[in-house]
Amino acid sequence: MSLSQEQTHLLLRLGFLPRGWAAERIQRLGTAAFVEEQLHPESIPEDPEVTRRLERLALLRLDTHALARSDDGESRAYVEALRAHLLRHSRSRRRLAARMAAFWAHHFYVPADAANVHLVDYLRTLERHALGGFRELLFAVARHPAMLVYLNNDSNVKDHPNENYARELLELHTLGVDGGYTERDVKEVARALSGWTTHPRTEGMFYFDPDVHDDGPKRILGRAFPAGRGIEDGLQLLDLLARHPSSARFVARKLALWFVSDDPPPALIERLAQVFQQERGQVRPLLRALFSAPEFYAAAGARLRTPLEFLTAALEATGARFSDDWRLIDTLARLGQPYLGWKTPDGAPTRAQAWASTGGLLARWQVALELTQEADGDPEGGWGLLGGLEDRLPAAPTVGIWVRAAARELWGREPEEERLALLLDYAAEGAGPERPLTLALAGRKRAGLLALLLAAPEFQWI
């Protein structure tokens, strides 16, 4: 039994390859039940190897104070966070939860070097709320020291208001740049959030300082904020933004950009926004609506994987692992997307236009060669990679069957005639598709065939 086109498309957009556990699971459960299970990751038995490898990332379990006391804790925690990201996106069965945690890390973006020692706890916060409610997540982010420090709200006081967080809160986190707010609203939001700062001895390190809060009357988005209040100003503000129709449309569009295409249909965005409002910002109903929408399934092949998404998919395809941290970090740098390395608060772009340059595609082809040729050639990981190609391609009696089956497992479909001819010419060494696939021939060709499949447009565009 083979996957339907819709099932293949869903798996690819959730971050799976159309093979192995995910393919078997969606065939057994059906599409709707598979989505529902992914929406409740705690019900999915995790791959034991994934669990073991995550448990070895000990720094990710430390609180901020303990991490700050550890030797070189900040830089080592960054590498562990990167390794956890790659593992969850290339081998975990709970792939939708990982994709949504990454979505919120992009939406409420804080660069790793700005989050510094707070990074681990910030990522944990996003993961904890990834499939919950937008309002609760917005409140958690607004209180988190990573965001407070990055956008300078920790220094926002009544006598010297700082508008950085206020502006990004409206433009990037809730209403969107066309969400109907004014410059006056930005200033009033900054006043409402004055005194929201950090303190090393409080739980979560959030502290509201009433002495530097502007307690005068305010008016934001047409709503009156009475004088004489303290933290209630900020709480009312966040509640207003979380429930605002512009926030519903903005988050709906961001989700559609993440999962559908660079130009999502307006009708889909409007329906998702309605669900957002009806369900009070709960994420699970929003995703149910998205993954049952005909526009979602009509967008097959319309989205270019980002460099980080390409790397995680290639790791799943090859089974390769980075044995050296320097090689891993260097690889992402060459691909153009260091992990949480984008410098501005809008996060790394998701649109194809940002990544489809000649240099960017050449870097992907080079990484495809490294994950296959180098990893296959040195099983001891001497090049900073550990090999894993032996069982990555299906068994087959002939080269023609082998190439078609390999393409289905990596692309979700068989090659078109022209592409197939090129792949067959390489794999069969010009002898044609009926050439018997011997162990010796497979050993010579498996790394090269995988590299070609990874470098092809069919793997880049999903």
Protein backbone atom coordinates (compact mmCIF):
# COMPACT_ATOMS: atom_id res chain seq x y z
CA MET A 1 0.00 0.00 0.00
CA SER A 2 1.47 3.36 -1.05
CA LEU A 3 0.86 6.82 0.31
CA SER A 4 -1.64 9.11 -1.38
CA GLN A 5 -0.43 12.43 -2.77
CA GLU A 6 -2.19 14.21 0.09
CA GLN A 7 -0.54 12.01 2.73
CA THR A 8 2.87 12.52 1.16
CA HIS A 9 2.36 16.29 1.09
CA LEU A 10 1.26 16.36 4.72
CA LEU A 11 4.28 14.38 5.88
CA LEU A 12 6.67 16.63 3.99
CA ARG A 13 5.15 19.80 5.43
CA LEU A 14 5.22 18.39 8.95
CA GLY A 15 8.94 17.78 8.46
CA PHE A 16 8.90 14.03 7.84
CA LEU A 17 10.23 12.21 4.84
CA PRO A 18 7.56 9.94 3.28
CA ARG A 19 9.16 6.75 4.58
CA GLY A 20 9.63 4.65 7.69
CA TRP A 21 7.59 5.15 10.86
CA ALA A 22 5.67 8.20 9.62
CA ALA A 23 4.59 6.55 6.36
CA GLU A 24 3.47 3.39 8.14
CA ARG A 25 1.65 5.38 10.81
CA ILE A 26 -0.34 7.62 8.46
CA GLN A 27 -1.32 4.61 6.36
CA ARG A 28 -2.57 2.74 9.42
CA LEU A 29 -4.36 5.63 11.12
CA GLY A 30 -5.54 7.66 8.13
CA THR A 31 -4.74 11.33 7.57
CA ALA A 32 -7.13 12.93 10.06
CA ALA A 33 -6.23 10.56 12.91
CA PHE A 34 -2.52 11.00 12.16
CA VAL A 35 -2.87 14.78 12.45
CA GLU A 36 -4.81 14.40 15.69
CA GLU A 37 -2.11 12.19 17.15
CA GLN A 38 0.56 14.72 16.18
CA LEU A 39 -1.47 17.40 17.93
CA HIS A 40 -1.07 15.39 21.15
CA PRO A 41 2.63 14.45 21.10
CA GLU A 42 2.55 13.12 24.64
CA SER A 43 0.50 10.19 23.30
CA ILE A 44 3.18 9.20 20.75
CA PRO A 45 5.82 6.71 21.95
CA GLU A 46 9.11 8.35 21.09
CA ASP A 47 11.90 6.56 19.25
CA PRO A 48 14.10 5.16 22.08
CA GLU A 49 17.27 6.34 20.34
CA VAL A 50 15.94 9.89 20.18
CA THR A 51 15.10 9.74 23.89
CA ARG A 52 18.57 8.48 24.77
CA ARG A 53 20.32 11.13 22.73
CA LEU A 54 18.18 13.94 24.14
CA GLU A 55 18.89 12.74 27.68
CA ARG A 56 22.61 13.13 27.02
CA LEU A 57 22.08 16.88 26.41
CA ALA A 58 22.30 17.61 30.12
CA LEU A 59 22.66 21.39 29.93
CA LEU A 60 19.18 21.70 28.41
CA ARG A 61 17.72 20.55 31.73
CA LEU A 62 19.47 23.17 33.87
CA ASP A 63 17.78 26.31 35.07
CA THR A 64 19.29 29.66 34.15
CA HIS A 65 21.14 30.12 37.43
CA ALA A 66 22.76 26.69 37.26
CA LEU A 67 23.66 27.22 33.62
CA ALA A 68 25.30 30.54 34.44
CA ARG A 69 27.45 28.83 37.06
CA SER A 70 28.66 26.07 34.73
CA ASP A 71 31.95 26.40 32.88
CA ASP A 72 31.41 27.90 29.43
CA GLY A 73 27.73 27.08 29.93
CA GLU A 74 26.37 29.63 27.48
CA SER A 75 28.28 28.40 24.42
CA ARG A 76 27.93 24.71 25.30
CA ALA A 77 24.18 25.12 25.83
CA TYR A 78 23.89 26.75 22.40
CA VAL A 79 25.44 23.69 20.75
CA GLU A 80 23.18 21.38 22.74
CA ALA A 81 20.12 23.43 21.73
CA LEU A 82 21.19 23.14 18.09
CA ARG A 83 21.72 19.39 18.40
CA ALA A 84 18.32 19.01 20.04
CA HIS A 85 16.72 20.97 17.18
CA LEU A 86 18.34 18.77 14.54
CA LEU A 87 17.41 15.60 16.40
CA ARG A 88 13.77 16.57 16.90
CA HIS A 89 13.41 17.65 13.27
CA SER A 90 15.20 14.70 11.68
CA ARG A 91 14.40 11.69 13.87
CA SER A 92 11.65 12.43 16.38
CA ARG A 93 8.19 10.98 15.85
CA ARG A 94 6.71 14.08 17.46
CA ARG A 95 7.53 16.19 14.46
CA LEU A 96 4.61 18.63 14.49
CA ALA A 97 5.43 19.69 18.06
CA ALA A 98 9.00 20.37 16.93
CA ARG A 99 7.82 22.32 13.89
CA MET A 100 5.53 24.46 16.03
CA ALA A 101 8.22 25.16 18.62
CA ALA A 102 10.42 26.32 15.75
CA PHE A 103 7.55 28.42 14.39
CA TRP A 104 7.14 30.26 17.67
CA ALA A 105 10.91 30.69 17.99
CA HIS A 106 10.70 32.44 14.61
CA HIS A 107 7.59 34.43 15.51
CA PHE A 108 8.84 35.57 18.94
CA TYR A 109 12.39 35.75 17.71
CA VAL A 110 15.39 36.32 19.97
CA PRO A 111 18.88 35.69 18.52
CA ALA A 112 20.98 33.20 20.42
CA ASP A 113 23.72 35.71 21.15
CA ALA A 114 21.17 38.15 22.59
CA ALA A 115 19.39 35.51 24.67
CA ASN A 116 22.79 34.36 26.00
CA VAL A 117 22.36 32.45 29.27
CA HIS A 118 18.55 32.72 29.03
CA LEU A 119 18.38 30.85 25.70
CA VAL A 120 17.71 27.37 27.08
CA ASP A 121 14.86 28.48 29.32
CA TYR A 122 13.39 30.62 26.55
CA LEU A 123 13.31 27.68 24.14
CA ARG A 124 11.76 25.50 26.86
CA THR A 125 9.06 28.13 27.34
CA LEU A 126 8.21 28.14 23.65
CA GLU A 127 8.16 24.33 23.53
CA ARG A 128 5.86 24.17 26.55
CA HIS A 129 3.29 26.43 24.88
CA ALA A 130 3.84 25.33 21.27
CA LEU A 131 0.46 23.62 20.88
CA GLY A 132 -1.42 25.57 23.54
CA GLY A 133 -2.96 29.04 23.54
CA PHE A 134 -1.59 32.16 21.89
CA ARG A 135 -2.63 34.35 24.82
CA GLU A 136 -0.74 32.24 27.34
CA LEU A 137 2.33 32.17 25.12
CA LEU A 138 2.21 35.93 24.56
CA PHE A 139 2.11 36.51 28.33
CA ALA A 140 5.00 34.07 28.90
CA VAL A 141 7.17 35.72 26.25
CA ALA A 142 6.44 39.24 27.52
CA ARG A 143 7.67 38.24 30.98
CA HIS A 144 10.71 36.28 29.85
CA PRO A 145 14.12 37.85 30.53
CA ALA A 146 15.38 36.84 27.07
CA MET A 147 12.78 39.05 25.40
CA LEU A 148 12.86 41.78 28.05
CA VAL A 149 16.61 42.20 27.67
CA TYR A 150 16.79 41.74 23.88
CA LEU A 151 14.25 44.46 23.12
CA ASN A 152 15.28 46.67 26.02
CA ASN A 153 12.06 46.63 27.98
CA ASP A 154 14.14 45.91 31.08
CA SER A 155 15.24 49.57 30.83
CA ASN A 156 11.80 50.97 29.99
CA VAL A 157 10.98 53.45 32.77
CA LYS A 158 8.51 56.30 33.07
CA ASP A 159 11.07 59.10 32.86
CA HIS A 160 12.92 57.55 29.90
CA PRO A 161 10.52 55.26 28.02
CA ASN A 162 12.07 52.71 25.64
CA GLU A 163 9.79 51.84 22.71
CA ASN A 164 11.75 48.93 21.20
CA TYR A 165 9.65 46.12 22.65
CA ALA A 166 6.41 48.09 22.28
CA ARG A 167 7.01 48.51 18.56
CA GLU A 168 7.96 44.89 17.90
CA LEU A 169 5.13 43.64 20.12
CA LEU A 170 2.66 45.36 17.81
CA GLU A 171 4.43 44.87 14.48
CA LEU A 172 5.95 41.38 14.78
CA HIS A 173 4.17 39.58 17.62
CA THR A 174 0.50 40.54 17.40
CA LEU A 175 -1.19 43.04 15.06
CA GLY A 176 1.26 43.15 12.16
CA VAL A 177 2.56 46.25 10.42
CA ASP A 178 -0.86 46.84 8.80
CA GLY A 179 -2.80 45.94 11.93
CA GLY A 180 -4.36 49.35 12.54
CA TYR A 181 -2.16 50.83 15.24
CA THR A 182 -0.65 54.31 15.19
CA GLU A 183 2.61 55.86 16.35
CA ARG A 184 0.70 57.17 19.34
CA ASP A 185 -0.31 53.61 20.19
CA VAL A 186 3.37 52.56 20.19
CA LYS A 187 4.20 55.27 22.72
CA GLU A 188 1.23 54.37 24.89
CA VAL A 189 2.14 50.67 24.81
CA ALA A 190 5.64 51.55 26.01
CA ARG A 191 4.11 53.49 28.90
CA ALA A 192 1.84 50.57 29.78
CA LEU A 193 4.83 48.21 29.92
CA SER A 194 7.14 50.53 31.88
CA GLY A 195 8.50 48.81 34.95
CA TRP A 196 8.43 45.34 33.38
CA THR A 197 12.00 44.28 34.00
CA THR A 198 14.19 41.51 35.41
CA HIS A 199 15.53 40.57 38.82
CA PRO A 200 17.89 37.66 39.53
CA ARG A 201 16.07 36.58 42.70
CA THR A 202 12.50 36.33 41.43
CA GLU A 203 10.88 33.22 39.99
CA GLY A 204 11.56 33.23 36.29
CA MET A 205 13.64 36.41 36.83
CA PHE A 206 10.67 38.63 35.90
CA TYR A 207 10.03 41.63 38.12
CA PHE A 208 7.54 44.46 38.00
CA ASP A 209 8.97 47.64 39.51
CA PRO A 210 6.10 49.97 40.49
CA ASP A 211 8.49 52.82 41.23
CA VAL A 212 9.39 53.27 37.54
CA HIS A 213 5.96 52.49 36.07
CA ASP A 214 4.04 55.30 34.40
CA ASP A 215 0.69 55.15 36.17
CA GLY A 216 -0.97 57.96 34.27
CA PRO A 217 -4.07 57.44 32.09
CA LYS A 218 -3.51 55.89 28.66
CA ARG A 219 -5.47 55.15 25.52
CA ILE A 220 -4.43 52.23 23.31
CA LEU A 221 -6.26 51.05 20.18
CA GLY A 222 -9.26 53.09 21.28
CA ARG A 223 -9.40 51.54 24.76
CA ALA A 224 -9.10 53.57 27.96
CA PHE A 225 -6.51 52.54 30.54
CA PRO A 226 -7.36 54.34 33.78
CA ALA A 227 -4.81 56.13 35.93
CA GLY A 228 -3.40 54.87 39.19
CA ARG A 229 -2.66 51.29 38.17
CA GLY A 230 0.51 49.23 38.08
CA ILE A 231 1.13 45.87 36.38
CA GLU A 232 -2.56 45.79 35.42
CA ASP A 233 -1.77 48.14 32.52
CA GLY A 234 0.48 45.57 30.89
CA LEU A 235 -1.87 42.68 31.63
CA GLN A 236 -4.83 44.50 30.07
CA LEU A 237 -2.68 45.41 27.07
CA LEU A 238 -1.55 41.83 26.40
CA ASP A 239 -5.08 40.52 26.78
CA LEU A 240 -6.35 43.16 24.33
CA LEU A 241 -3.66 42.27 21.78
CA ALA A 242 -4.16 38.52 22.12
CA ARG A 243 -7.87 38.85 21.31
CA HIS A 244 -7.61 41.51 18.62
CA PRO A 245 -8.89 40.60 15.11
CA SER A 246 -5.68 41.91 13.57
CA SER A 247 -3.67 39.48 15.70
CA ALA A 248 -5.86 36.64 14.48
CA ARG A 249 -5.20 37.55 10.84
CA PHE A 250 -1.50 38.15 11.41
CA VAL A 251 -0.85 34.84 13.18
CA ALA A 252 -3.03 33.00 10.63
CA ARG A 253 -0.97 34.44 7.79
CA LYS A 254 2.32 33.60 9.51
CA LEU A 255 1.18 29.99 9.97
CA ALA A 256 0.15 29.80 6.32
CA LEU A 257 3.56 31.14 5.27
CA TRP A 258 5.21 28.51 7.46
CA PHE A 259 3.18 25.52 6.28
CA VAL A 260 1.58 26.42 2.92
CA SER A 261 3.41 28.79 0.55
CA ASP A 262 5.08 32.16 0.11
CA ASP A 263 1.79 33.61 -1.13
CA PRO A 264 -0.99 31.87 0.82
CA PRO A 265 -4.55 32.30 -0.51
CA PRO A 266 -6.41 35.16 1.22
CA ALA A 267 -9.51 32.97 1.64
CA LEU A 268 -7.49 30.45 3.64
CA ILE A 269 -6.02 33.17 5.86
CA GLU A 270 -9.47 34.59 6.52
CA ARG A 271 -10.89 31.18 7.51
CA LEU A 272 -7.94 30.50 9.81
CA ALA A 273 -8.35 33.92 11.39
CA GLN A 274 -12.00 33.14 12.08
CA VAL A 275 -11.01 29.87 13.76
CA PHE A 276 -8.40 31.75 15.81
CA GLN A 277 -11.05 34.12 17.12
CA GLN A 278 -13.73 31.49 17.65
CA GLU A 279 -11.33 29.25 19.56
CA ARG A 280 -9.78 32.11 21.57
CA GLY A 281 -6.34 31.65 20.03
CA GLN A 282 -6.00 27.93 20.74
CA VAL A 283 -3.41 26.42 18.41
CA ARG A 284 -4.77 22.89 17.97
CA PRO A 285 -8.09 23.92 16.34
CA LEU A 286 -6.14 26.30 14.12
CA LEU A 287 -3.87 23.49 12.91
CA ARG A 288 -6.79 21.12 12.40
CA ALA A 289 -8.37 23.69 10.12
CA LEU A 290 -5.09 24.28 8.29
CA PHE A 291 -4.32 20.61 7.66
CA SER A 292 -7.84 19.91 6.40
CA ALA A 293 -7.93 22.89 4.02
CA PRO A 294 -7.93 22.19 0.26
CA GLU A 295 -5.58 25.15 -0.23
CA PHE A 296 -2.99 23.38 1.92
CA TYR A 297 -3.02 20.27 -0.28
CA ALA A 298 -3.10 22.34 -3.48
CA ALA A 299 0.27 23.86 -2.55
CA ALA A 300 2.36 20.73 -3.07
CA GLY A 301 5.82 21.64 -4.35
CA ALA A 302 5.27 25.36 -3.75
CA ARG A 303 7.57 25.89 -0.78
CA LEU A 304 11.37 25.92 -0.81
CA ARG A 305 12.95 24.33 2.25
CA THR A 306 14.99 26.83 4.24
CA PRO A 307 18.67 25.87 4.70
CA LEU A 308 17.99 24.58 8.20
CA GLU A 309 15.02 22.55 6.96
CA PHE A 310 17.13 21.20 4.12
CA LEU A 311 19.82 20.06 6.55
CA THR A 312 17.38 18.29 8.87
CA ALA A 313 15.71 16.52 5.94
CA ALA A 314 19.09 15.51 4.53
CA LEU A 315 20.15 14.14 7.92
CA GLU A 316 17.00 12.04 8.05
CA ALA A 317 17.59 10.83 4.50
CA THR A 318 21.21 9.83 5.03
CA GLY A 319 21.26 8.86 8.70
CA ALA A 320 24.47 10.90 8.96
CA ARG A 321 25.46 12.58 12.23
CA PHE A 322 27.89 15.36 13.03
CA SER A 323 30.57 14.10 15.38
CA ASP A 324 32.29 17.48 15.75
CA ASP A 325 30.58 20.69 16.85
CA TRP A 326 32.78 22.85 14.63
CA ARG A 327 31.73 20.94 11.53
CA LEU A 328 28.06 21.29 12.39
CA ILE A 329 28.26 25.03 13.04
CA ASP A 330 30.39 25.58 9.94
CA THR A 331 27.92 23.66 7.78
CA LEU A 332 25.00 25.86 8.79
CA ALA A 333 27.11 28.97 8.30
CA ARG A 334 27.96 27.89 4.74
CA LEU A 335 24.30 27.18 4.07
CA GLY A 336 23.57 30.76 5.15
CA GLN A 337 21.37 30.09 8.17
CA PRO A 338 23.25 29.73 11.46
CA TYR A 339 20.95 28.43 14.16
CA LEU A 340 19.16 31.42 15.75
CA GLY A 341 21.79 33.60 14.14
CA TRP A 342 19.57 36.10 12.30
CA LYS A 343 20.39 39.54 13.69
CA THR A 344 17.06 41.37 13.46
CA PRO A 345 13.87 40.66 15.44
CA ASP A 346 11.88 39.51 12.41
CA GLY A 347 13.77 36.19 12.33
CA ALA A 348 15.29 34.44 9.34
CA PRO A 349 13.15 34.69 6.18
CA THR A 350 11.04 31.76 5.04
CA ARG A 351 10.37 32.94 1.49
CA ALA A 352 12.13 31.18 -1.37
CA GLN A 353 13.43 34.48 -2.73
CA ALA A 354 15.79 34.76 0.24
CA TRP A 355 17.39 31.34 -0.31
CA ALA A 356 17.16 30.53 -4.02
CA SER A 357 20.37 32.27 -5.06
CA THR A 358 23.08 30.49 -7.04
CA GLY A 359 25.42 30.59 -4.06
CA GLY A 360 22.78 29.23 -1.73
CA LEU A 361 21.94 26.30 -4.00
CA LEU A 362 25.63 25.52 -4.57
CA ALA A 363 26.10 25.35 -0.81
CA ARG A 364 23.24 22.84 -0.57
CA TRP A 365 24.80 20.67 -3.28
CA GLN A 366 28.12 20.73 -1.46
CA VAL A 367 26.48 19.69 1.81
CA ALA A 368 24.62 16.91 -0.02
CA LEU A 369 27.99 15.57 -1.19
CA GLU A 370 29.49 15.85 2.29
CA LEU A 371 26.60 14.03 3.99
CA THR A 372 26.93 11.18 1.51
CA GLN A 373 30.43 10.83 0.10
CA GLU A 374 32.36 11.89 3.20
CA ALA A 375 30.09 10.26 5.75
CA ASP A 376 30.07 7.02 3.75
CA GLY A 377 33.82 7.08 3.22
CA ASP A 378 34.93 7.40 6.86
CA PRO A 379 32.82 5.39 9.33
CA GLU A 380 34.97 6.65 12.21
CA GLY A 381 33.83 10.23 11.65
CA GLY A 382 37.28 11.56 10.78
CA TRP A 383 35.71 14.36 8.71
CA GLY A 384 33.43 15.38 11.58
CA LEU A 385 30.64 13.16 10.23
CA LEU A 386 29.47 9.69 11.14
CA GLY A 387 28.19 7.55 8.28
CA GLY A 388 24.79 5.92 8.11
CA LEU A 389 24.10 5.10 4.48
CA GLU A 390 24.08 1.31 4.62
CA ASP A 391 20.33 0.98 5.17
CA ARG A 392 19.14 4.28 3.70
CA LEU A 393 18.19 3.00 0.23
CA PRO A 394 15.70 0.20 -0.41
CA ALA A 395 16.70 -3.22 -1.69
CA ALA A 396 15.86 -3.91 -5.32
CA PRO A 397 16.68 -6.49 -8.01
CA THR A 398 17.51 -3.97 -10.74
CA VAL A 399 18.91 -0.47 -10.95
CA GLY A 400 15.70 0.90 -12.47
CA ILE A 401 13.56 -0.31 -9.58
CA TRP A 402 16.20 0.88 -7.11
CA VAL A 403 16.32 4.43 -8.46
CA ARG A 404 12.54 4.79 -8.60
CA ALA A 405 12.09 3.44 -5.07
CA ALA A 406 14.83 5.70 -3.70
CA ALA A 407 13.22 8.76 -5.26
CA ARG A 408 9.84 7.83 -3.78
CA GLU A 409 11.36 7.55 -0.31
CA LEU A 410 13.13 10.92 -0.48
CA TRP A 411 10.86 12.97 -2.74
CA GLY A 412 7.53 11.28 -2.26
CA ARG A 413 7.17 10.65 -5.98
CA GLU A 414 9.00 9.03 -8.90
CA PRO A 415 11.22 11.13 -11.16
CA GLU A 416 9.92 12.64 -14.36
CA GLU A 417 11.24 10.99 -17.51
CA GLU A 418 14.14 13.37 -18.16
CA ARG A 419 15.32 13.32 -14.54
CA LEU A 420 14.94 9.55 -14.38
CA ALA A 421 17.14 9.09 -17.43
CA LEU A 422 19.96 11.07 -15.83
CA LEU A 423 19.73 9.18 -12.53
CA LEU A 424 19.64 5.82 -14.31
CA ASP A 425 22.61 6.70 -16.47
CA TYR A 426 24.64 7.40 -13.34
CA ALA A 427 23.45 4.45 -11.24
CA ALA A 428 23.55 1.83 -14.01
CA GLU A 429 26.78 3.18 -15.53
CA GLY A 430 25.06 3.42 -18.89
CA ALA A 431 23.87 -0.20 -18.87
CA GLY A 432 20.15 0.62 -18.63
CA PRO A 433 17.44 0.15 -16.00
CA GLU A 434 17.43 -3.65 -16.21
CA ARG A 435 21.00 -3.96 -15.01
CA PRO A 436 21.05 -6.25 -11.93
CA LEU A 437 21.75 -4.41 -8.70
CA THR A 438 24.66 -6.30 -7.19
CA LEU A 439 26.11 -5.55 -3.76
CA ALA A 440 29.25 -4.20 -5.40
CA LEU A 441 27.31 -1.86 -7.69
CA ALA A 442 25.11 -0.62 -4.85
CA GLY A 443 28.20 -0.01 -2.74
CA ARG A 444 29.79 2.08 -5.48
CA LYS A 445 26.70 4.09 -6.31
CA ARG A 446 24.65 4.54 -3.14
CA ALA A 447 26.44 7.67 -1.88
CA GLY A 448 26.40 9.36 -5.27
CA LEU A 449 22.78 8.49 -5.93
CA LEU A 450 21.75 9.86 -2.55
CA ALA A 451 23.72 13.05 -3.19
CA LEU A 452 21.98 13.55 -6.54
CA LEU A 453 18.57 12.98 -4.97
CA LEU A 454 19.30 15.46 -2.17
CA ALA A 455 20.62 18.11 -4.55
CA ALA A 456 17.68 17.84 -6.97
CA PRO A 457 14.91 20.47 -7.05
CA GLU A 458 12.43 17.73 -6.13
CA PHE A 459 14.08 17.52 -2.69
CA GLN A 460 14.44 21.28 -2.24
CA TRP A 461 10.83 22.18 -3.10
CA ILE A 462 8.09 20.48 -1.09
